[in-house]
N, C-alpha and C. Protein backbone atom coordinates (compact mmCIF):
# COMPACT_ATOMS: atom_id res chain seq x y z
N MET A 1 76.30 180.00 147.12
CA MET A 1 76.90 178.67 146.74
C MET A 1 77.27 177.99 148.15
N GLN A 2 77.12 178.84 149.28
CA GLN A 2 77.31 178.39 150.59
C GLN A 2 75.90 177.53 150.89
N ALA A 3 74.96 178.12 150.42
CA ALA A 3 73.67 177.33 150.82
C ALA A 3 73.67 175.96 150.15
N ILE A 4 74.29 175.67 149.06
CA ILE A 4 74.15 174.46 148.29
C ILE A 4 75.10 173.42 148.91
N GLY A 5 76.44 174.15 149.51
CA GLY A 5 77.29 173.18 150.31
C GLY A 5 76.64 172.67 151.81
N ALA A 6 75.97 173.61 152.27
CA ALA A 6 75.16 173.33 153.66
C ALA A 6 74.23 172.22 153.30
N TRP A 7 73.40 172.46 152.06
CA TRP A 7 72.38 171.40 151.95
C TRP A 7 72.91 170.23 151.69
N LEU A 8 74.24 170.00 150.85
CA LEU A 8 74.74 168.91 150.55
C LEU A 8 75.46 168.20 151.83
N LYS A 9 75.86 169.09 152.70
CA LYS A 9 76.44 168.34 153.81
C LYS A 9 75.30 167.91 154.84
N LEU A 10 74.13 168.35 154.84
CA LEU A 10 72.98 167.82 155.52
C LEU A 10 72.44 166.64 154.76
N ASN A 11 72.37 166.56 153.40
CA ASN A 11 71.60 165.29 152.72
C ASN A 11 72.68 164.58 152.15
N GLY A 12 73.79 164.77 151.94
CA GLY A 12 74.57 164.11 151.21
C GLY A 12 74.91 162.41 151.32
N GLU A 13 74.30 162.01 152.58
CA GLU A 13 74.31 160.56 152.95
C GLU A 13 73.34 160.09 151.74
N ALA A 14 72.17 160.71 151.46
CA ALA A 14 71.25 160.12 150.62
C ALA A 14 71.61 160.29 149.19
N ILE A 15 72.69 160.81 148.78
CA ILE A 15 73.06 161.25 147.18
C ILE A 15 74.29 160.36 147.12
N TYR A 16 75.54 160.56 147.87
CA TYR A 16 76.69 159.96 147.54
C TYR A 16 76.77 158.68 147.96
N GLY A 17 77.24 157.71 146.91
CA GLY A 17 77.56 156.11 147.15
C GLY A 17 76.07 155.52 147.18
N THR A 18 74.84 156.22 146.69
CA THR A 18 73.59 155.38 146.52
C THR A 18 73.32 154.88 145.35
N GLY A 19 72.58 153.87 145.31
CA GLY A 19 71.88 153.38 143.78
C GLY A 19 70.47 154.23 143.57
N PRO A 20 70.18 153.83 142.25
CA PRO A 20 68.77 154.54 141.65
C PRO A 20 67.57 154.28 142.41
N ASN A 21 66.66 154.68 142.08
CA ASN A 21 65.36 154.55 142.74
C ASN A 21 65.03 153.23 142.51
N PRO A 22 64.57 152.37 143.68
CA PRO A 22 63.99 151.10 143.34
C PRO A 22 62.67 151.09 143.43
N LEU A 23 61.95 152.12 143.70
CA LEU A 23 60.33 152.22 143.66
C LEU A 23 60.02 152.60 142.39
N LYS A 24 58.68 152.25 141.95
CA LYS A 24 58.17 152.19 140.59
C LYS A 24 57.85 153.68 140.13
N ALA A 25 57.12 154.56 141.20
CA ALA A 25 56.66 155.73 140.76
C ALA A 25 56.79 156.61 142.06
N THR A 26 57.44 157.96 142.10
CA THR A 26 57.91 158.72 143.16
C THR A 26 57.27 160.15 142.70
N PRO A 27 56.03 160.15 142.61
CA PRO A 27 55.50 161.73 142.09
C PRO A 27 55.73 162.84 143.29
N TRP A 28 56.29 162.46 144.49
CA TRP A 28 56.51 163.56 145.52
C TRP A 28 58.05 163.66 145.49
N GLY A 29 58.67 163.01 144.77
CA GLY A 29 60.13 163.43 144.82
C GLY A 29 61.19 162.11 144.26
N ARG A 30 62.25 162.00 145.11
CA ARG A 30 63.22 161.02 144.43
C ARG A 30 63.34 160.04 145.49
N CYS A 31 63.91 158.68 145.32
CA CYS A 31 64.40 157.61 146.24
C CYS A 31 65.70 157.25 145.89
N THR A 32 66.38 157.13 146.76
CA THR A 32 67.83 156.31 146.49
C THR A 32 68.02 155.44 147.82
N ARG A 33 68.83 154.34 147.18
CA ARG A 33 69.29 153.29 148.37
C ARG A 33 70.60 152.80 148.47
N LYS A 34 71.00 152.74 149.52
CA LYS A 34 72.30 152.50 149.94
C LYS A 34 72.25 151.14 151.05
N GLY A 35 72.44 150.03 150.49
CA GLY A 35 72.30 148.81 151.36
C GLY A 35 70.93 148.57 151.46
N GLN A 36 70.63 148.34 152.61
CA GLN A 36 69.07 147.95 153.08
C GLN A 36 68.31 149.37 153.34
N THR A 37 68.95 150.52 153.26
CA THR A 37 68.45 151.77 153.82
C THR A 37 68.01 152.43 152.37
N LEU A 38 66.60 152.74 152.50
CA LEU A 38 65.88 153.77 151.56
C LEU A 38 65.96 155.21 151.83
N TYR A 39 66.32 156.24 151.05
CA TYR A 39 66.31 157.64 151.59
C TYR A 39 64.96 158.19 150.40
N LEU A 40 64.21 158.55 151.25
CA LEU A 40 63.10 159.54 150.25
C LEU A 40 63.34 160.95 150.30
N SER A 41 63.59 161.46 149.32
CA SER A 41 63.92 163.05 149.27
C SER A 41 62.45 163.48 148.52
N VAL A 42 61.77 164.00 149.56
CA VAL A 42 60.36 164.52 149.46
C VAL A 42 60.43 166.05 148.93
N PHE A 43 59.94 166.40 147.61
CA PHE A 43 60.27 167.75 147.20
C PHE A 43 58.43 168.28 147.29
N ASP A 44 57.84 167.38 147.15
CA ASP A 44 56.28 167.75 147.28
C ASP A 44 55.44 167.09 147.80
N TRP A 45 55.43 167.40 149.07
CA TRP A 45 54.59 166.79 150.32
C TRP A 45 53.35 166.76 149.82
N PRO A 46 52.51 165.66 150.00
CA PRO A 46 50.92 165.57 149.93
C PRO A 46 50.17 166.75 150.82
N LYS A 47 49.10 167.20 150.14
CA LYS A 47 48.48 168.19 150.89
C LYS A 47 48.09 167.76 152.30
N ASP A 48 47.62 166.58 152.67
CA ASP A 48 47.14 165.84 154.14
C ASP A 48 48.49 165.68 154.86
N ALA A 49 49.73 165.95 154.33
CA ALA A 49 51.13 165.66 155.03
C ALA A 49 51.45 164.28 155.45
N VAL A 50 50.67 163.10 154.78
CA VAL A 50 50.77 161.94 154.98
C VAL A 50 51.47 161.36 153.53
N LEU A 51 52.65 160.73 153.52
CA LEU A 51 53.41 160.26 152.47
C LEU A 51 52.97 158.64 152.50
N SER A 52 52.63 158.16 151.35
CA SER A 52 52.37 156.81 151.05
C SER A 52 53.28 156.49 150.16
N VAL A 53 54.20 155.23 150.39
CA VAL A 53 55.22 154.74 149.56
C VAL A 53 54.87 153.20 149.61
N HIS A 54 54.74 152.74 148.46
CA HIS A 54 54.40 151.13 148.42
C HIS A 54 55.82 150.27 148.43
N LEU A 55 56.00 149.50 149.32
CA LEU A 55 57.10 148.83 149.56
C LEU A 55 56.85 147.39 149.94
N ALA A 56 57.75 146.43 149.63
CA ALA A 56 57.36 144.98 149.55
C ALA A 56 57.39 144.56 151.04
N SER A 57 58.44 145.27 151.95
CA SER A 57 58.54 144.85 153.31
C SER A 57 58.37 145.84 154.08
N LYS A 58 58.16 145.69 155.45
CA LYS A 58 57.79 146.78 156.33
C LYS A 58 59.23 147.26 156.76
N PRO A 59 59.15 148.66 156.84
CA PRO A 59 60.55 149.21 157.22
C PRO A 59 60.79 149.02 158.89
N LEU A 60 62.03 149.15 159.42
CA LEU A 60 62.25 149.28 160.69
C LEU A 60 61.78 150.61 161.36
N LYS A 61 62.20 151.63 160.80
CA LYS A 61 62.10 152.89 161.12
C LYS A 61 61.96 154.06 160.21
N ALA A 62 61.47 155.22 160.45
CA ALA A 62 61.78 156.22 159.45
C ALA A 62 62.11 157.44 160.57
N SER A 63 62.86 158.17 159.75
CA SER A 63 63.36 159.43 160.30
C SER A 63 63.95 160.69 159.18
N LEU A 64 64.17 161.65 159.78
CA LEU A 64 64.59 162.76 159.02
C LEU A 64 66.25 162.69 159.01
N LEU A 65 66.94 163.01 157.92
CA LEU A 65 68.37 162.97 157.92
C LEU A 65 68.72 164.17 159.15
N ALA A 66 67.83 165.31 159.14
CA ALA A 66 68.45 166.41 159.68
C ALA A 66 68.42 165.98 161.30
N ASP A 67 67.41 165.12 161.55
CA ASP A 67 67.25 164.67 163.26
C ASP A 67 67.19 163.12 163.13
N PRO A 68 68.21 162.28 162.81
CA PRO A 68 67.70 160.65 162.91
C PRO A 68 67.38 160.14 164.15
N ALA A 69 67.48 161.01 165.37
CA ALA A 69 67.07 160.14 166.37
C ALA A 69 65.69 160.37 166.88
N LYS A 70 64.97 161.30 166.09
CA LYS A 70 63.62 161.43 166.08
C LYS A 70 62.79 160.54 165.05
N ALA A 71 62.17 159.35 165.49
CA ALA A 71 61.42 158.63 165.01
C ALA A 71 60.32 159.29 164.39
N LEU A 72 59.87 159.35 162.97
CA LEU A 72 58.61 159.64 162.44
C LEU A 72 57.68 158.62 162.57
N GLN A 73 56.33 158.83 163.02
CA GLN A 73 55.33 157.89 163.01
C GLN A 73 55.05 157.10 161.61
N MET A 74 55.00 155.91 161.58
CA MET A 74 54.39 155.37 160.16
C MET A 74 53.57 154.20 160.52
N LYS A 75 52.87 153.75 159.56
CA LYS A 75 52.16 152.64 159.66
C LYS A 75 52.17 151.82 158.27
N SER A 76 52.22 150.40 158.33
CA SER A 76 52.37 149.46 157.27
C SER A 76 51.14 148.96 157.13
N GLU A 77 50.55 148.77 156.18
CA GLU A 77 49.47 147.85 155.80
C GLU A 77 49.29 147.61 154.28
N ALA A 78 49.18 146.05 153.77
CA ALA A 78 49.14 145.65 152.68
C ALA A 78 49.86 146.21 151.59
N GLY A 79 51.25 146.37 152.08
CA GLY A 79 52.39 146.68 151.29
C GLY A 79 52.58 148.09 151.06
N ILE A 80 51.51 149.11 151.69
CA ILE A 80 51.68 150.43 151.69
C ILE A 80 52.06 151.04 153.08
N VAL A 81 53.12 151.88 153.00
CA VAL A 81 53.72 152.29 154.28
C VAL A 81 53.34 153.77 154.35
N THR A 82 52.44 154.34 155.35
CA THR A 82 52.35 155.76 155.28
C THR A 82 53.09 156.34 156.72
N ILE A 83 53.76 157.52 156.20
CA ILE A 83 54.50 158.29 157.13
C ILE A 83 53.84 159.38 157.34
């Protein structure tokens, strides 16, 4: 039970007070939204370690909840963001 509590403490921001998945399909996991922030909970990373997400606008940044100061590399082209 402690492991669940630790996981919720680390990832609760992506769960509590968020809305449902605004994306059409997420075969890699789940997506929630709070304001202008999308939270991508990736449970099944692609084999090439590159996550592709169809978004209407280009995100300002991508980071892990566990280390928000460290920006992840991303590229946006033709409505597809790769992280």
